[in-house]
């Protein structure tokens, strides 16, 4: 539950400033598949709080909390690069949003203008300068029976 609350704050903080939205429960159960995504995340600040990843199969809620059961994960920042994995995925389009909770307060911190002051990103590294990333600009395609390697950067 805490992972979901942290990720929902990404979209709220990036697009709306400090106003908080209710935290949704994951509602989508994906059919078992044979595809996988290994998301390698660089620019991690070692020892500065967990990196949270959220998986999406549509634009609904992106880049906030994942609506997919099991779609939210976290990685320990033990190195400058960490990996979030998603296995047993059916083929299709997906996007991943990420952020590093550098000070461990459970929130993506922002400045007075609402711009993030902690690392954040998305699966294709398509990060607009004045708004939140979009699903369409960051989607990747998973093929049944293959593992997709995605390289992401915290901004």
N, C-alpha and C. Protein backbone atom coordinates (compact mmCIF):
# COMPACT_ATOMS: atom_id res chain seq x y z
N UNK A 1 0.82 -1.18 0.00
CA UNK A 1 0.00 0.00 0.00
C UNK A 1 0.86 1.25 0.00
N UNK A 2 1.96 1.25 0.78
CA UNK A 2 2.83 2.41 0.84
C UNK A 2 3.44 2.70 -0.52
N UNK A 3 3.80 1.63 -1.27
CA UNK A 3 4.37 1.82 -2.59
C UNK A 3 3.38 2.55 -3.49
N UNK A 4 2.13 2.17 -3.41
CA UNK A 4 1.12 2.81 -4.25
C UNK A 4 0.94 4.27 -3.88
N UNK A 5 0.95 4.57 -2.59
CA UNK A 5 0.77 5.96 -2.19
C UNK A 5 1.93 6.81 -2.66
N UNK A 6 3.12 6.28 -2.66
CA UNK A 6 4.27 7.03 -3.13
C UNK A 6 4.17 7.31 -4.62
N UNK A 7 3.74 6.31 -5.40
CA UNK A 7 3.68 6.50 -6.84
C UNK A 7 2.55 7.40 -7.28
N UNK A 8 1.44 7.39 -6.59
CA UNK A 8 0.35 8.28 -6.96
C UNK A 8 0.77 9.73 -6.77
N UNK A 9 1.65 9.98 -5.83
CA UNK A 9 2.13 11.33 -5.60
C UNK A 9 2.99 11.85 -6.74
N UNK A 10 3.56 10.96 -7.53
CA UNK A 10 4.35 11.39 -8.68
C UNK A 10 3.48 12.22 -9.61
N UNK A 11 2.37 11.68 -10.05
CA UNK A 11 1.52 12.41 -10.98
C UNK A 11 0.90 13.63 -10.34
N UNK A 12 0.50 13.54 -9.09
CA UNK A 12 -0.09 14.68 -8.42
C UNK A 12 0.94 15.79 -8.26
N UNK A 13 2.13 15.44 -7.83
CA UNK A 13 3.16 16.45 -7.61
C UNK A 13 3.64 17.08 -8.90
N UNK A 14 3.81 16.28 -9.95
CA UNK A 14 4.33 16.80 -11.21
C UNK A 14 3.30 17.67 -11.90
N UNK A 15 2.02 17.30 -11.85
CA UNK A 15 1.05 18.01 -12.63
C UNK A 15 0.19 18.99 -11.85
N UNK A 16 0.11 18.86 -10.52
CA UNK A 16 -0.84 19.66 -9.78
C UNK A 16 -0.25 20.36 -8.57
N UNK A 17 1.01 20.26 -8.34
CA UNK A 17 1.57 20.87 -7.16
C UNK A 17 1.28 20.02 -5.92
N UNK A 18 1.10 20.65 -4.75
CA UNK A 18 1.02 19.91 -3.51
C UNK A 18 -0.34 19.28 -3.20
N UNK A 19 -1.39 19.46 -4.01
CA UNK A 19 -2.68 18.87 -3.74
C UNK A 19 -2.59 17.35 -3.85
N UNK A 20 -3.16 16.62 -2.87
CA UNK A 20 -3.09 15.17 -2.86
C UNK A 20 -4.41 14.56 -3.31
N UNK A 21 -4.33 13.45 -4.04
CA UNK A 21 -5.51 12.72 -4.51
C UNK A 21 -5.66 11.45 -3.71
N UNK A 22 -6.87 10.87 -3.68
CA UNK A 22 -7.02 9.58 -3.00
C UNK A 22 -6.14 8.53 -3.65
N UNK A 23 -5.67 7.58 -2.87
CA UNK A 23 -4.78 6.54 -3.37
C UNK A 23 -5.62 5.37 -3.87
N UNK A 24 -5.57 5.06 -5.16
CA UNK A 24 -6.38 3.96 -5.67
C UNK A 24 -5.74 2.61 -5.37
N UNK A 25 -6.58 1.61 -5.21
CA UNK A 25 -6.11 0.23 -5.07
C UNK A 25 -5.90 -0.34 -6.46
N UNK A 26 -4.92 -1.22 -6.66
CA UNK A 26 -4.76 -1.84 -7.98
C UNK A 26 -6.01 -2.66 -8.31
N UNK A 27 -6.51 -2.52 -9.52
CA UNK A 27 -7.74 -3.19 -9.91
C UNK A 27 -7.60 -4.11 -11.11
N UNK A 28 -6.50 -4.03 -11.83
CA UNK A 28 -6.32 -4.81 -13.05
C UNK A 28 -5.49 -6.05 -12.75
N UNK A 29 -6.01 -7.21 -13.13
CA UNK A 29 -5.25 -8.45 -13.04
C UNK A 29 -4.91 -8.86 -14.46
N UNK A 30 -3.63 -8.91 -14.77
CA UNK A 30 -3.21 -9.31 -16.12
C UNK A 30 -3.24 -10.83 -16.26
N UNK A 31 -3.61 -11.30 -17.45
CA UNK A 31 -3.52 -12.72 -17.74
C UNK A 31 -2.04 -13.11 -17.74
N UNK A 32 -1.74 -14.32 -17.34
CA UNK A 32 -0.34 -14.77 -17.35
C UNK A 32 0.16 -14.83 -18.78
N UNK A 33 1.37 -14.36 -18.97
CA UNK A 33 1.99 -14.40 -20.29
C UNK A 33 3.42 -14.88 -20.18
N UNK A 34 4.15 -14.80 -21.27
CA UNK A 34 5.53 -15.28 -21.28
C UNK A 34 6.52 -14.17 -21.60
N UNK A 35 6.06 -12.94 -21.62
CA UNK A 35 6.95 -11.81 -21.86
C UNK A 35 7.48 -11.25 -20.55
N UNK A 36 8.50 -10.42 -20.64
CA UNK A 36 9.08 -9.81 -19.45
C UNK A 36 9.69 -8.46 -19.80
N UNK A 37 9.79 -7.61 -18.79
CA UNK A 37 10.50 -6.33 -18.91
C UNK A 37 11.53 -6.28 -17.80
N UNK A 38 12.77 -5.97 -18.16
CA UNK A 38 13.82 -5.68 -17.19
C UNK A 38 14.19 -4.22 -17.39
N UNK A 39 13.77 -3.38 -16.45
CA UNK A 39 14.01 -1.94 -16.55
C UNK A 39 15.25 -1.57 -15.74
N UNK A 40 16.30 -1.19 -16.43
CA UNK A 40 17.55 -0.76 -15.79
C UNK A 40 17.49 0.75 -15.61
N UNK A 41 17.64 1.20 -14.38
CA UNK A 41 17.48 2.61 -14.04
C UNK A 41 18.81 3.19 -13.62
N UNK A 42 19.26 4.22 -14.32
CA UNK A 42 20.54 4.85 -14.02
C UNK A 42 20.33 6.21 -13.37
N UNK A 43 21.43 6.83 -12.96
CA UNK A 43 21.44 8.11 -12.25
C UNK A 43 20.84 8.00 -10.86
N UNK A 44 20.90 6.81 -10.27
CA UNK A 44 20.38 6.59 -8.93
C UNK A 44 21.36 7.18 -7.92
N UNK A 45 20.83 7.86 -6.92
CA UNK A 45 21.66 8.37 -5.84
C UNK A 45 21.79 7.26 -4.80
N UNK A 46 22.98 6.70 -4.71
CA UNK A 46 23.24 5.55 -3.84
C UNK A 46 22.96 5.92 -2.38
N UNK A 47 22.19 5.05 -1.71
CA UNK A 47 21.90 5.25 -0.30
C UNK A 47 20.92 6.36 0.01
N UNK A 48 20.19 6.85 -1.00
CA UNK A 48 19.30 7.99 -0.80
C UNK A 48 17.82 7.64 -0.92
N UNK A 49 17.40 6.46 -0.50
CA UNK A 49 15.99 6.11 -0.53
C UNK A 49 15.65 5.21 -1.70
N UNK A 50 14.58 4.46 -1.56
CA UNK A 50 14.17 3.48 -2.57
C UNK A 50 13.80 4.14 -3.90
N UNK A 51 14.00 3.36 -4.97
CA UNK A 51 13.51 3.72 -6.31
C UNK A 51 12.22 2.95 -6.50
N UNK A 52 11.13 3.65 -6.80
CA UNK A 52 9.82 3.04 -6.99
C UNK A 52 9.48 2.99 -8.47
N UNK A 53 8.96 1.84 -8.91
CA UNK A 53 8.58 1.62 -10.31
C UNK A 53 7.10 1.28 -10.37
N UNK A 54 6.41 1.78 -11.39
CA UNK A 54 4.99 1.47 -11.58
C UNK A 54 4.76 1.10 -13.03
N UNK A 55 4.09 -0.04 -13.25
CA UNK A 55 3.83 -0.58 -14.58
C UNK A 55 2.41 -0.24 -15.01
N UNK A 56 2.25 0.14 -16.28
CA UNK A 56 0.94 0.49 -16.85
C UNK A 56 0.76 -0.21 -18.19
N UNK A 57 -0.49 -0.59 -18.50
CA UNK A 57 -0.80 -1.12 -19.83
C UNK A 57 -1.79 -0.22 -20.56
N UNK A 58 -2.02 0.98 -20.02
CA UNK A 58 -2.82 2.01 -20.69
C UNK A 58 -2.45 3.35 -20.06
N UNK A 59 -3.00 4.40 -20.60
CA UNK A 59 -2.68 5.74 -20.09
C UNK A 59 -3.40 6.06 -18.78
N UNK A 60 -4.36 5.24 -18.39
CA UNK A 60 -5.13 5.50 -17.18
C UNK A 60 -4.22 5.57 -15.96
N UNK A 61 -4.15 6.74 -15.35
CA UNK A 61 -3.36 6.93 -14.13
C UNK A 61 -1.89 7.19 -14.31
N UNK A 62 -1.38 7.04 -15.53
CA UNK A 62 0.06 7.23 -15.76
C UNK A 62 0.42 8.69 -15.54
N UNK A 63 1.48 9.02 -14.84
CA UNK A 63 2.54 8.21 -14.25
C UNK A 63 2.39 7.95 -12.77
N UNK A 64 1.20 7.88 -12.23
CA UNK A 64 0.97 7.68 -10.80
C UNK A 64 1.10 6.25 -10.35
N UNK A 65 0.21 5.85 -9.47
CA UNK A 65 0.23 4.49 -8.93
C UNK A 65 -0.23 3.50 -10.00
N UNK A 66 0.41 2.36 -10.06
CA UNK A 66 0.05 1.35 -11.05
C UNK A 66 -1.32 0.76 -10.74
N UNK A 67 -2.21 0.68 -11.75
CA UNK A 67 -3.51 0.05 -11.54
C UNK A 67 -3.43 -1.48 -11.63
N UNK A 68 -2.26 -2.00 -11.97
CA UNK A 68 -2.07 -3.43 -12.18
C UNK A 68 -1.66 -4.10 -10.87
N UNK A 69 -2.34 -5.17 -10.50
CA UNK A 69 -1.96 -5.91 -9.30
C UNK A 69 -0.54 -6.46 -9.49
N UNK A 70 0.35 -6.13 -8.57
CA UNK A 70 1.75 -6.52 -8.69
C UNK A 70 2.54 -5.59 -9.59
N UNK A 71 1.95 -4.49 -10.04
CA UNK A 71 2.62 -3.57 -10.96
C UNK A 71 3.51 -2.55 -10.30
N UNK A 72 3.45 -2.45 -8.97
CA UNK A 72 4.31 -1.52 -8.25
C UNK A 72 5.43 -2.30 -7.57
N UNK A 73 6.66 -1.86 -7.79
CA UNK A 73 7.81 -2.50 -7.16
C UNK A 73 8.76 -1.43 -6.65
N UNK A 74 9.70 -1.85 -5.83
CA UNK A 74 10.73 -0.91 -5.38
C UNK A 74 12.07 -1.60 -5.41
N UNK A 75 13.11 -0.80 -5.61
CA UNK A 75 14.47 -1.30 -5.67
C UNK A 75 15.33 -0.52 -4.68
N UNK A 76 16.21 -1.23 -4.01
CA UNK A 76 17.12 -0.60 -3.06
C UNK A 76 18.26 0.07 -3.82
N UNK A 77 18.58 1.30 -3.46
CA UNK A 77 19.62 2.05 -4.18
C UNK A 77 21.03 1.70 -3.71
N UNK A 78 21.42 0.44 -3.90
CA UNK A 78 22.74 -0.01 -3.47
C UNK A 78 23.83 0.30 -4.48
N UNK A 79 23.43 0.71 -5.69
CA UNK A 79 24.38 1.03 -6.75
C UNK A 79 23.78 2.17 -7.58
N UNK A 80 24.59 2.76 -8.45
CA UNK A 80 24.14 3.87 -9.28
C UNK A 80 23.13 3.42 -10.34
N UNK A 81 23.00 2.11 -10.54
CA UNK A 81 22.01 1.55 -11.45
C UNK A 81 21.26 0.45 -10.72
N UNK A 82 19.93 0.47 -10.78
CA UNK A 82 19.10 -0.57 -10.19
C UNK A 82 18.16 -1.12 -11.26
N UNK A 83 17.54 -2.27 -10.99
CA UNK A 83 16.64 -2.89 -11.96
C UNK A 83 15.30 -3.20 -11.32
N UNK A 84 14.23 -2.88 -12.05
CA UNK A 84 12.88 -3.32 -11.70
C UNK A 84 12.46 -4.32 -12.77
N UNK A 85 11.97 -5.49 -12.34
CA UNK A 85 11.58 -6.56 -13.28
C UNK A 85 10.09 -6.81 -13.21
N UNK A 86 9.56 -7.13 -14.38
CA UNK A 86 8.17 -7.58 -14.50
C UNK A 86 8.18 -8.83 -15.36
N UNK A 87 7.80 -9.97 -14.78
CA UNK A 87 7.80 -11.25 -15.47
C UNK A 87 6.37 -11.70 -15.73
N UNK A 88 6.23 -12.71 -16.58
CA UNK A 88 4.95 -13.35 -16.90
C UNK A 88 3.93 -12.36 -17.45
N UNK A 89 4.40 -11.43 -18.29
CA UNK A 89 3.51 -10.43 -18.89
C UNK A 89 2.94 -10.95 -20.21
N UNK A 90 1.66 -10.67 -20.47
CA UNK A 90 1.14 -10.95 -21.80
C UNK A 90 1.69 -9.92 -22.78
N UNK A 91 1.75 -10.26 -24.06
CA UNK A 91 2.22 -9.31 -25.06
C UNK A 91 1.34 -8.07 -25.07
N UNK A 92 1.94 -6.92 -25.40
CA UNK A 92 1.18 -5.68 -25.46
C UNK A 92 2.05 -4.48 -25.18
N UNK A 93 1.42 -3.32 -25.14
CA UNK A 93 2.12 -2.06 -24.86
C UNK A 93 2.08 -1.77 -23.37
N UNK A 94 3.24 -1.32 -22.85
CA UNK A 94 3.38 -0.99 -21.44
C UNK A 94 4.23 0.28 -21.32
N UNK A 95 4.08 0.95 -20.19
CA UNK A 95 4.97 2.06 -19.84
C UNK A 95 5.26 1.95 -18.35
N UNK A 96 6.42 2.45 -17.95
CA UNK A 96 6.84 2.40 -16.55
C UNK A 96 7.16 3.82 -16.11
N UNK A 97 6.66 4.19 -14.93
CA UNK A 97 7.06 5.46 -14.32
C UNK A 97 7.92 5.13 -13.11
N UNK A 98 8.87 6.01 -12.80
CA UNK A 98 9.79 5.77 -11.69
C UNK A 98 10.02 7.06 -10.90
N UNK A 99 10.38 6.90 -9.64
CA UNK A 99 10.93 8.02 -8.88
C UNK A 99 11.74 7.49 -7.72
N UNK A 100 12.69 8.31 -7.25
CA UNK A 100 13.53 7.95 -6.11
C UNK A 100 13.14 8.84 -4.94
N UNK A 101 12.67 8.20 -3.88
CA UNK A 101 12.30 8.92 -2.66
C UNK A 101 13.57 9.18 -1.86
N UNK A 102 14.32 10.18 -2.27
CA UNK A 102 15.66 10.42 -1.75
C UNK A 102 15.71 10.67 -0.25
N UNK A 103 14.71 11.32 0.31
CA UNK A 103 14.76 11.61 1.74
C UNK A 103 13.84 10.70 2.56
N UNK A 104 13.22 9.71 1.92
CA UNK A 104 12.43 8.71 2.63
C UNK A 104 11.16 9.23 3.26
N UNK A 105 10.64 10.37 2.77
CA UNK A 105 9.43 10.92 3.38
C UNK A 105 8.14 10.43 2.74
N UNK A 106 8.25 9.54 1.74
CA UNK A 106 7.07 8.98 1.11
C UNK A 106 6.42 9.85 0.07
N UNK A 107 7.09 10.93 -0.33
CA UNK A 107 6.53 11.88 -1.27
C UNK A 107 7.58 12.27 -2.31
N UNK A 108 7.16 12.47 -3.56
CA UNK A 108 8.05 13.07 -4.54
C UNK A 108 8.07 14.56 -4.24
N UNK A 109 9.16 15.04 -3.69
CA UNK A 109 9.25 16.44 -3.30
C UNK A 109 9.32 17.35 -4.51
N UNK A 110 8.72 18.53 -4.37
CA UNK A 110 8.70 19.51 -5.46
C UNK A 110 9.09 20.88 -4.93
N UNK A 111 9.45 21.76 -5.87
CA UNK A 111 9.76 23.14 -5.50
C UNK A 111 8.48 23.98 -5.49
N UNK A 112 8.61 25.27 -5.31
CA UNK A 112 7.45 26.16 -5.23
C UNK A 112 6.63 26.18 -6.52
N UNK A 113 7.23 25.81 -7.64
CA UNK A 113 6.53 25.80 -8.92
C UNK A 113 5.93 24.44 -9.25
N UNK A 114 6.11 23.44 -8.36
CA UNK A 114 5.58 22.11 -8.58
C UNK A 114 6.51 21.18 -9.33
N UNK A 115 7.71 21.65 -9.66
CA UNK A 115 8.68 20.81 -10.37
C UNK A 115 9.36 19.87 -9.37
N UNK A 116 9.55 18.60 -9.75
CA UNK A 116 10.17 17.64 -8.84
C UNK A 116 11.59 18.04 -8.44
N UNK A 117 11.92 17.82 -7.17
CA UNK A 117 13.28 18.05 -6.69
C UNK A 117 13.97 16.72 -6.34
N UNK A 118 13.27 15.60 -6.57
CA UNK A 118 13.84 14.27 -6.42
C UNK A 118 13.78 13.61 -7.79
N UNK A 119 14.60 12.58 -7.97
CA UNK A 119 14.68 11.93 -9.27
C UNK A 119 13.39 11.26 -9.70
N UNK A 120 13.04 11.41 -10.98
CA UNK A 120 11.85 10.76 -11.54
C UNK A 120 12.12 10.46 -13.00
N UNK A 121 11.29 9.61 -13.61
CA UNK A 121 11.48 9.29 -15.02
C UNK A 121 10.38 8.38 -15.55
N UNK A 122 10.57 7.97 -16.81
CA UNK A 122 9.61 7.10 -17.48
C UNK A 122 10.35 6.23 -18.49
N UNK A 123 9.69 5.18 -18.96
CA UNK A 123 10.35 4.10 -19.69
C UNK A 123 11.06 4.49 -20.98
N UNK A 124 10.63 5.49 -21.71
CA UNK A 124 11.34 5.90 -22.93
C UNK A 124 12.15 7.18 -22.70
N UNK A 125 12.23 7.61 -21.44
CA UNK A 125 12.96 8.83 -21.08
C UNK A 125 12.39 10.07 -21.77
N UNK A 126 11.12 10.01 -22.16
CA UNK A 126 10.44 11.16 -22.78
C UNK A 126 9.81 11.98 -21.66
N UNK A 127 10.57 12.95 -21.19
CA UNK A 127 10.16 13.77 -20.05
C UNK A 127 9.98 15.21 -20.53
N UNK A 128 8.73 15.70 -20.64
CA UNK A 128 8.51 17.08 -21.05
C UNK A 128 9.04 18.05 -20.00
N UNK A 129 9.41 19.22 -20.41
CA UNK A 129 9.96 20.20 -19.48
C UNK A 129 8.95 20.84 -18.55
N UNK A 130 7.67 20.88 -18.95
CA UNK A 130 6.70 21.62 -18.15
C UNK A 130 5.47 20.81 -17.74
N UNK A 131 5.49 19.49 -17.94
CA UNK A 131 4.35 18.68 -17.54
C UNK A 131 4.81 17.26 -17.23
N UNK A 132 3.87 16.45 -16.75
CA UNK A 132 4.19 15.06 -16.43
C UNK A 132 4.41 14.26 -17.71
N UNK A 133 5.20 13.18 -17.64
CA UNK A 133 5.38 12.32 -18.81
C UNK A 133 4.05 11.67 -19.20
N UNK A 134 3.93 11.25 -20.47
CA UNK A 134 2.71 10.61 -20.95
C UNK A 134 2.96 9.14 -21.27
N UNK A 135 1.89 8.35 -21.20
CA UNK A 135 1.97 6.93 -21.55
C UNK A 135 2.39 6.76 -23.00
N UNK A 136 1.74 7.46 -23.92
CA UNK A 136 2.02 7.29 -25.34
C UNK A 136 3.48 7.58 -25.70
N UNK A 137 4.06 8.60 -25.09
CA UNK A 137 5.45 8.94 -25.40
C UNK A 137 6.44 7.96 -24.76
N UNK A 138 6.00 7.18 -23.80
CA UNK A 138 6.90 6.31 -23.05
C UNK A 138 6.59 4.82 -23.16
N UNK A 139 5.64 4.45 -24.00
CA UNK A 139 5.27 3.03 -24.09
C UNK A 139 6.32 2.21 -24.83
N UNK A 140 6.39 0.95 -24.43
CA UNK A 140 7.26 -0.05 -25.06
C UNK A 140 6.38 -1.26 -25.36
N UNK A 141 6.80 -2.09 -26.31
CA UNK A 141 6.01 -3.25 -26.69
C UNK A 141 6.67 -4.53 -26.22
N UNK A 142 5.91 -5.32 -25.46
CA UNK A 142 6.36 -6.62 -25.00
C UNK A 142 5.83 -7.67 -25.96
N UNK A 143 6.71 -8.58 -26.38
CA UNK A 143 6.35 -9.68 -27.27
C UNK A 143 6.36 -10.97 -26.46
N UNK A 144 5.33 -11.79 -26.63
CA UNK A 144 5.27 -13.08 -25.93
C UNK A 144 6.57 -13.85 -26.16
N UNK A 145 7.10 -14.42 -25.09
CA UNK A 145 8.29 -15.25 -25.18
C UNK A 145 9.61 -14.49 -25.20
N UNK A 146 9.56 -13.17 -25.09
CA UNK A 146 10.80 -12.39 -25.11
C UNK A 146 10.89 -11.50 -23.88
N UNK A 147 12.14 -11.21 -23.49
CA UNK A 147 12.38 -10.25 -22.42
C UNK A 147 12.85 -8.95 -23.04
N UNK A 148 12.18 -7.88 -22.71
CA UNK A 148 12.51 -6.56 -23.21
C UNK A 148 13.40 -5.85 -22.19
N UNK A 149 14.55 -5.39 -22.64
CA UNK A 149 15.45 -4.60 -21.78
C UNK A 149 15.17 -3.13 -22.02
N UNK A 150 14.85 -2.41 -20.96
CA UNK A 150 14.54 -0.98 -21.05
C UNK A 150 15.57 -0.23 -20.20
N UNK A 151 16.16 0.81 -20.78
CA UNK A 151 17.12 1.66 -20.06
C UNK A 151 16.45 2.98 -19.71
N UNK A 152 16.36 3.26 -18.42
CA UNK A 152 15.70 4.47 -17.95
C UNK A 152 16.68 5.32 -17.15
N UNK A 153 16.40 6.61 -17.09
CA UNK A 153 17.23 7.52 -16.31
C UNK A 153 16.37 8.31 -15.35
N UNK A 154 16.88 8.50 -14.14
CA UNK A 154 16.25 9.41 -13.21
C UNK A 154 16.67 10.83 -13.59
N UNK A 155 15.72 11.72 -13.67
CA UNK A 155 15.98 13.12 -14.01
C UNK A 155 15.86 13.97 -12.78
